[in-house]
N, C-alpha and C. Protein backbone atom coordinates (compact mmCIF):
# COMPACT_ATOMS: atom_id res chain seq x y z
N MET A 1 40.50 16.78 -49.56
CA MET A 1 39.36 17.11 -48.16
C MET A 1 40.31 17.62 -47.01
N SER A 2 40.26 18.87 -47.03
CA SER A 2 41.25 19.49 -45.29
C SER A 2 40.07 19.53 -44.24
N GLU A 3 38.75 19.47 -44.50
CA GLU A 3 37.90 19.38 -43.08
C GLU A 3 37.55 18.06 -42.82
N ILE A 4 36.80 18.03 -41.34
CA ILE A 4 36.64 16.58 -41.23
C ILE A 4 34.58 17.16 -41.02
N ASN A 5 34.03 16.36 -41.32
CA ASN A 5 32.43 16.82 -41.55
C ASN A 5 32.08 16.71 -39.50
N LEU A 6 31.48 17.43 -38.95
CA LEU A 6 30.69 17.35 -37.62
C LEU A 6 29.51 17.10 -37.18
N THR A 7 28.74 17.35 -38.73
CA THR A 7 27.48 17.31 -38.52
C THR A 7 26.58 15.66 -38.27
N SER A 8 27.36 14.76 -38.36
CA SER A 8 26.74 13.53 -38.31
C SER A 8 27.17 12.73 -36.15
N LEU A 9 28.86 13.24 -36.85
CA LEU A 9 29.40 13.23 -35.06
C LEU A 9 27.75 13.81 -33.85
N MET A 10 27.93 15.26 -34.29
CA MET A 10 27.18 16.06 -33.11
C MET A 10 26.17 15.42 -33.35
N ASP A 11 24.97 14.61 -34.40
CA ASP A 11 23.67 14.12 -33.74
C ASP A 11 23.43 13.03 -33.18
N LEU A 12 25.19 11.82 -33.21
CA LEU A 12 24.85 10.73 -31.93
C LEU A 12 25.54 11.26 -30.74
N VAL A 13 26.22 12.20 -31.00
CA VAL A 13 26.67 13.07 -29.25
C VAL A 13 24.61 13.37 -29.12
N PHE A 14 23.85 14.17 -29.24
CA PHE A 14 23.13 14.67 -28.89
C PHE A 14 21.61 13.31 -28.61
N CYS A 15 22.22 12.52 -29.75
CA CYS A 15 21.42 11.59 -29.05
C CYS A 15 21.71 10.66 -27.87
N LEU A 16 22.51 10.00 -28.29
CA LEU A 16 23.04 9.41 -27.12
C LEU A 16 22.99 10.71 -25.64
N LEU A 17 23.24 11.40 -25.68
CA LEU A 17 22.50 12.14 -24.42
C LEU A 17 20.80 12.38 -23.97
N ILE A 18 20.22 12.31 -25.30
CA ILE A 18 19.13 12.29 -24.57
C ILE A 18 18.59 10.80 -24.64
N ILE A 19 19.39 10.10 -24.53
CA ILE A 19 19.55 8.08 -24.58
C ILE A 19 19.43 8.25 -22.70
N PHE A 20 20.42 8.82 -22.00
CA PHE A 20 20.87 8.82 -21.33
C PHE A 20 19.98 9.76 -20.25
N MET A 21 19.48 10.98 -20.36
CA MET A 21 18.44 12.12 -19.68
C MET A 21 17.11 10.90 -19.24
N ILE A 22 16.91 9.94 -20.37
CA ILE A 22 16.08 9.44 -20.21
C ILE A 22 15.70 8.00 -19.07
N THR A 23 16.81 7.96 -19.60
CA THR A 23 17.13 6.21 -18.59
C THR A 23 17.88 6.29 -17.13
N THR A 24 18.54 7.54 -16.98
CA THR A 24 19.10 7.89 -15.87
C THR A 24 17.48 7.88 -14.78
N PRO A 25 16.58 8.37 -14.83
CA PRO A 25 15.49 8.20 -14.10
C PRO A 25 15.52 7.34 -13.40
N LEU A 26 15.16 6.36 -14.28
CA LEU A 26 14.45 4.92 -13.92
C LEU A 26 15.55 4.45 -13.38
N MET A 27 16.60 4.38 -13.49
CA MET A 27 17.54 3.64 -12.54
C MET A 27 17.52 3.84 -11.71
N GLU A 28 17.17 4.64 -10.76
CA GLU A 28 17.22 4.72 -9.50
C GLU A 28 17.03 3.99 -8.42
N GLN A 29 16.75 3.57 -7.88
CA GLN A 29 16.33 2.69 -6.92
C GLN A 29 15.95 2.80 -5.87
N THR A 30 16.04 3.67 -5.41
CA THR A 30 15.46 4.37 -3.97
C THR A 30 14.07 5.01 -4.20
N ILE A 31 12.93 5.20 -3.24
CA ILE A 31 11.51 5.02 -3.10
C ILE A 31 11.12 5.70 -1.89
N PRO A 32 11.15 7.22 -2.13
CA PRO A 32 11.22 7.35 -0.49
C PRO A 32 9.16 7.46 0.37
N LEU A 33 9.50 5.98 1.04
CA LEU A 33 8.11 5.82 1.91
C LEU A 33 7.46 6.43 2.61
N ASN A 34 6.88 6.90 3.23
CA ASN A 34 6.30 7.33 4.65
C ASN A 34 5.39 6.92 4.99
N LEU A 35 5.28 5.72 5.69
CA LEU A 35 3.62 5.25 5.84
C LEU A 35 3.78 4.76 7.72
N PRO A 36 2.58 4.27 8.10
CA PRO A 36 1.17 4.97 7.24
C PRO A 36 1.46 6.44 7.56
N LEU A 37 0.26 7.29 7.00
CA LEU A 37 -0.28 8.75 6.83
C LEU A 37 -1.25 8.82 5.73
N GLN A 38 -2.55 9.34 6.23
CA GLN A 38 -3.41 9.54 5.15
C GLN A 38 -2.97 10.19 4.50
N PRO A 39 -3.54 9.96 3.06
CA PRO A 39 -3.18 10.98 1.65
C PRO A 39 -4.21 12.19 2.21
N LYS A 40 -3.74 13.50 1.56
CA LYS A 40 -4.78 14.65 1.10
C LYS A 40 -6.06 14.27 0.88
N ASN A 41 -5.93 13.72 -0.06
CA ASN A 41 -7.35 13.02 -0.53
C ASN A 41 -7.99 12.23 -0.72
N ALA A 42 -7.83 11.71 1.24
CA ALA A 42 -8.56 10.52 0.95
C ALA A 42 -10.23 10.65 1.26
N GLU A 43 -10.85 9.51 0.91
CA GLU A 43 -12.45 9.50 0.87
C GLU A 43 -12.71 9.42 1.70
N ASN A 44 -14.10 9.63 2.07
CA ASN A 44 -14.93 9.21 2.91
C ASN A 44 -15.71 8.18 3.18
N ARG A 45 -15.92 7.82 4.04
CA ARG A 45 -16.62 6.70 4.08
C ARG A 45 -18.58 6.79 3.59
N ASP A 46 -18.12 5.85 3.01
CA ASP A 46 -20.11 5.75 2.70
C ASP A 46 -21.06 4.95 4.09
N PRO A 47 -21.77 5.58 4.29
CA PRO A 47 -22.75 5.87 5.07
C PRO A 47 -23.96 4.63 5.51
N LYS A 48 -23.77 4.30 3.92
CA LYS A 48 -24.57 3.24 4.46
C LYS A 48 -24.00 1.93 4.17
N GLN A 49 -22.60 1.51 4.08
CA GLN A 49 -21.40 0.49 3.67
C GLN A 49 -20.69 0.25 5.34
N LYS A 50 -21.24 -1.34 5.54
CA LYS A 50 -20.77 -1.85 6.61
C LYS A 50 -19.07 -2.22 6.86
N PHE A 51 -18.80 -1.88 7.86
CA PHE A 51 -17.24 -1.98 8.47
C PHE A 51 -17.22 -2.92 8.97
N GLN A 52 -15.97 -4.00 9.17
CA GLN A 52 -15.65 -4.55 9.93
C GLN A 52 -14.28 -4.31 10.26
N VAL A 53 -14.11 -3.75 11.51
CA VAL A 53 -12.74 -3.96 12.21
C VAL A 53 -11.30 -5.06 12.34
N VAL A 54 -10.80 -4.94 12.15
CA VAL A 54 -9.50 -5.68 12.09
C VAL A 54 -8.49 -5.21 12.51
N SER A 55 -7.88 -5.42 13.82
CA SER A 55 -6.68 -4.67 14.16
C SER A 55 -5.70 -5.30 14.70
N ILE A 56 -4.30 -4.95 14.81
CA ILE A 56 -3.14 -5.92 14.54
C ILE A 56 -2.26 -4.99 15.84
N ASP A 57 -2.22 -5.26 17.18
CA ASP A 57 -1.42 -4.16 18.50
C ASP A 57 0.30 -4.47 18.04
N ALA A 58 1.07 -3.59 19.07
CA ALA A 58 2.61 -3.31 18.61
C ALA A 58 2.75 -5.08 19.22
N GLN A 59 2.20 -5.54 19.87
CA GLN A 59 2.73 -7.33 20.34
C GLN A 59 2.48 -8.32 19.32
N GLY A 60 1.44 -7.85 17.72
CA GLY A 60 0.81 -9.09 17.09
C GLY A 60 -0.09 -9.93 17.26
N ARG A 61 -0.70 -8.71 18.52
CA ARG A 61 -1.65 -9.31 18.78
C ARG A 61 -3.47 -9.23 17.74
N TYR A 62 -4.02 -10.01 16.91
CA TYR A 62 -5.25 -9.60 16.48
C TYR A 62 -6.36 -8.87 17.25
N PHE A 63 -7.34 -8.39 17.01
CA PHE A 63 -8.26 -8.42 17.10
C PHE A 63 -9.63 -7.94 16.64
N TRP A 64 -10.78 -8.69 16.34
CA TRP A 64 -12.02 -8.28 15.62
C TRP A 64 -13.38 -6.84 16.45
N GLY A 65 -13.36 -6.04 15.74
CA GLY A 65 -13.72 -5.09 16.34
C GLY A 65 -12.66 -5.08 17.99
N SER A 66 -13.73 -4.88 19.01
CA SER A 66 -12.21 -5.11 19.85
C SER A 66 -12.07 -6.18 21.02
N ALA A 67 -12.38 -7.32 20.27
CA ALA A 67 -12.09 -8.30 20.58
C ALA A 67 -10.86 -8.93 20.79
N PRO A 68 -10.33 -9.73 21.38
CA PRO A 68 -9.01 -10.13 21.31
C PRO A 68 -9.59 -11.84 20.82
N VAL A 69 -8.61 -12.26 19.69
CA VAL A 69 -8.87 -13.10 18.96
C VAL A 69 -8.08 -13.61 18.49
N ASP A 70 -7.72 -15.09 18.48
CA ASP A 70 -5.85 -15.80 17.69
C ASP A 70 -5.70 -15.80 16.43
N ALA A 71 -5.57 -16.09 15.47
CA ALA A 71 -5.44 -16.42 14.29
C ALA A 71 -6.42 -17.29 13.81
N ASP A 72 -6.17 -18.32 14.55
CA ASP A 72 -7.61 -19.40 13.68
C ASP A 72 -8.76 -18.71 13.99
N HIS A 73 -8.88 -17.89 14.63
CA HIS A 73 -10.31 -17.66 15.01
C HIS A 73 -10.26 -16.62 14.32
N LEU A 74 -9.56 -15.59 13.94
CA LEU A 74 -10.06 -14.32 13.11
C LEU A 74 -10.05 -15.19 11.72
N GLN A 75 -9.77 -16.30 11.60
CA GLN A 75 -9.66 -16.83 9.75
C GLN A 75 -10.92 -17.36 9.77
N SER A 76 -11.70 -17.87 10.75
CA SER A 76 -12.93 -18.55 10.93
C SER A 76 -13.80 -17.05 10.74
N LEU A 77 -13.93 -15.95 11.79
CA LEU A 77 -14.68 -15.02 11.16
C LEU A 77 -14.82 -14.46 9.95
N LEU A 78 -13.60 -14.34 9.10
CA LEU A 78 -13.15 -13.58 8.18
C LEU A 78 -13.94 -14.51 7.27
N LYS A 79 -14.18 -16.28 7.23
CA LYS A 79 -14.48 -16.94 6.16
C LYS A 79 -16.50 -16.51 6.81
N VAL A 80 -16.40 -16.46 7.96
CA VAL A 80 -18.07 -16.11 7.70
C VAL A 80 -18.83 -14.35 7.02
N GLN A 81 -17.84 -13.57 7.14
CA GLN A 81 -18.61 -12.53 6.61
C GLN A 81 -17.73 -12.78 4.81
N GLY A 82 -17.32 -13.63 4.33
CA GLY A 82 -17.09 -13.73 2.90
C GLY A 82 -18.13 -14.79 2.42
N ALA A 83 -18.84 -14.91 3.23
CA ALA A 83 -19.70 -15.78 3.04
C ALA A 83 -21.60 -15.26 2.69
N LEU A 84 -21.10 -13.81 3.72
CA LEU A 84 -22.45 -13.42 3.43
C LEU A 84 -22.78 -13.20 2.24
N PRO A 85 -24.31 -12.40 1.97
CA PRO A 85 -23.86 -11.47 0.16
C PRO A 85 -24.00 -10.39 -0.19
N GLU A 86 -23.60 -9.89 0.90
CA GLU A 86 -23.34 -8.04 0.80
C GLU A 86 -22.18 -8.14 2.04
N PRO A 87 -21.09 -8.57 1.92
CA PRO A 87 -19.96 -8.99 2.93
C PRO A 87 -19.53 -7.46 3.29
N PRO A 88 -18.97 -6.92 4.38
CA PRO A 88 -18.78 -6.07 4.77
C PRO A 88 -17.11 -5.07 4.69
N VAL A 89 -17.54 -4.17 4.34
CA VAL A 89 -15.54 -4.14 4.12
C VAL A 89 -14.56 -4.06 5.15
N ILE A 90 -13.42 -5.06 4.65
CA ILE A 90 -12.60 -5.17 6.11
C ILE A 90 -11.72 -3.50 5.88
N SER A 91 -11.91 -3.13 7.81
CA SER A 91 -10.97 -2.05 7.26
C SER A 91 -9.61 -2.70 9.26
N LEU A 92 -8.54 -2.99 8.06
CA LEU A 92 -7.15 -3.58 8.61
C LEU A 92 -6.10 -2.37 8.83
N ARG A 93 -6.55 -2.16 10.50
CA ARG A 93 -5.60 -1.24 11.09
C ARG A 93 -4.80 -2.20 11.82
N ALA A 94 -3.46 -1.61 11.80
CA ALA A 94 -1.91 -1.96 12.03
C ALA A 94 -0.74 -0.83 12.60
N ASP A 95 -0.36 -1.98 13.83
CA ASP A 95 0.76 -0.74 14.36
C ASP A 95 2.14 -0.06 13.62
N ALA A 96 1.80 1.07 13.57
CA ALA A 96 3.12 1.18 12.56
C ALA A 96 4.22 0.47 12.66
N SER A 97 5.13 -0.20 14.25
CA SER A 97 6.20 -0.60 14.11
C SER A 97 6.01 -2.60 14.66
N LEU A 98 5.37 -2.48 13.67
CA LEU A 98 4.72 -4.53 13.14
C LEU A 98 6.03 -4.15 12.43
N PRO A 99 6.34 -6.11 12.02
CA PRO A 99 6.85 -5.94 10.76
C PRO A 99 6.08 -5.86 9.57
N TYR A 100 6.41 -6.13 9.02
CA TYR A 100 5.35 -6.43 7.39
C TYR A 100 4.56 -7.43 7.31
N GLN A 101 5.92 -8.78 7.57
CA GLN A 101 5.08 -9.65 7.75
C GLN A 101 3.29 -9.98 7.83
N LYS A 102 3.49 -9.62 9.56
CA LYS A 102 2.44 -9.60 10.32
C LYS A 102 0.94 -8.95 9.01
N VAL A 103 1.35 -7.77 8.90
CA VAL A 103 0.23 -7.41 8.33
C VAL A 103 -0.02 -8.37 6.51
N ILE A 104 0.72 -8.60 6.08
CA ILE A 104 0.36 -9.75 4.50
C ILE A 104 -0.49 -10.79 5.38
N ASP A 105 0.18 -11.35 6.15
CA ASP A 105 -0.52 -12.66 6.89
C ASP A 105 -2.17 -12.58 6.46
N VAL A 106 -2.44 -10.82 7.75
CA VAL A 106 -3.67 -10.75 7.59
C VAL A 106 -4.44 -10.36 6.39
N LEU A 107 -3.34 -9.97 5.56
CA LEU A 107 -4.40 -9.93 4.40
C LEU A 107 -4.37 -10.92 3.48
N ASP A 108 -3.80 -12.38 3.29
CA ASP A 108 -3.54 -13.41 3.09
C ASP A 108 -4.30 -14.42 3.83
N MET A 109 -5.01 -13.46 4.61
CA MET A 109 -6.99 -14.38 5.67
C MET A 109 -7.59 -14.13 4.82
N ILE A 110 -7.63 -12.46 4.57
CA ILE A 110 -8.67 -12.26 3.97
C ILE A 110 -8.85 -12.20 2.34
N LYS A 111 -7.76 -12.55 2.04
CA LYS A 111 -8.34 -12.99 0.83
C LYS A 111 -8.28 -14.21 0.15
N ALA A 112 -8.24 -14.79 1.23
CA ALA A 112 -8.42 -16.58 1.61
C ALA A 112 -10.14 -16.80 1.84
N ALA A 113 -10.70 -15.49 2.22
CA ALA A 113 -12.08 -15.61 2.82
C ALA A 113 -12.67 -14.91 1.94
N ASN A 114 -12.50 -14.29 0.85
CA ASN A 114 -12.75 -14.17 -0.99
C ASN A 114 -13.47 -13.09 -0.27
N LEU A 115 -12.37 -11.93 0.58
CA LEU A 115 -13.24 -10.64 0.89
C LEU A 115 -12.75 -10.16 -0.23
N THR A 116 -13.19 -9.17 -0.91
CA THR A 116 -12.37 -7.89 -2.19
C THR A 116 -12.72 -6.67 -1.98
N LYS A 117 -13.58 -6.74 -0.35
CA LYS A 117 -13.24 -4.70 -0.24
C LYS A 117 -12.39 -4.79 1.38
N LEU A 118 -11.45 -4.01 0.92
CA LEU A 118 -10.50 -3.56 2.07
C LEU A 118 -10.48 -1.68 2.45
N SER A 119 -9.98 -1.58 3.55
CA SER A 119 -9.70 -0.33 3.89
C SER A 119 -8.38 -0.39 4.81
N LEU A 120 -7.14 0.43 4.15
CA LEU A 120 -6.06 0.13 5.18
C LEU A 120 -5.77 1.44 5.77
N ASP A 121 -6.63 0.90 7.17
CA ASP A 121 -7.01 2.28 8.29
C ASP A 121 -5.58 3.56 8.60
N THR A 122 -4.97 4.65 8.30
CA THR A 122 -4.05 5.45 8.63
C THR A 122 -4.19 6.33 9.07
N GLN A 123 -3.15 7.39 9.79
CA GLN A 123 -3.86 8.48 10.46
C GLN A 123 -2.85 9.32 10.38
N VAL A 124 -3.25 10.54 10.35
CA VAL A 124 -2.83 11.95 9.73
C VAL A 124 -1.50 12.36 10.81
N GLY A 125 -0.15 12.11 10.46
CA GLY A 125 0.93 12.46 11.10
C GLY A 125 0.98 14.20 11.04
N ALA A 126 1.41 14.55 11.72
CA ALA A 126 2.09 15.79 11.94
C ALA A 126 2.82 16.32 10.72
N ASP A 127 3.78 16.11 10.29
CA ASP A 127 4.49 15.85 9.06
C ASP A 127 3.88 15.87 7.75
N ALA A 128 2.43 15.15 7.52
CA ALA A 128 1.79 14.94 6.48
C ALA A 128 1.09 15.42 5.18
N HIS A 129 0.48 16.84 6.18
CA HIS A 129 0.19 18.09 5.97
C HIS A 129 1.23 19.04 5.37
N ALA A 130 3.13 18.89 5.54
CA ALA A 130 4.17 19.43 5.25
C ALA A 130 4.12 19.23 3.99
N ARG A 131 3.78 18.00 3.47
CA ARG A 131 4.63 17.20 2.43
C ARG A 131 3.92 17.89 1.13
């Protein structure tokens, strides 16, 4: 035989090419996030549903509605709401410059109070519609 059969070699090359084409996008580690921006298809609130606003300002202070509270008082207020037969939706508002851990601490308090309905409030930014 004076010729080499390249058919099986070409099959192998195409198979490897397909494997690399599938796995390369999965290996990418960067995820572009632009928070907090409101999604374009944001749901409107149900007018019958009760909401309780919990806010965290840029200095890390907690607010129950518009009243300032400390962390222990906030936790007790959340437990009272969690014990109600129809607990309200907790609407969490946090300043965008806060460390993420502050938001997680409040989410842990909400979870500990057995409150399952949560709304993370955002605002529509100038570039939110451009994306």
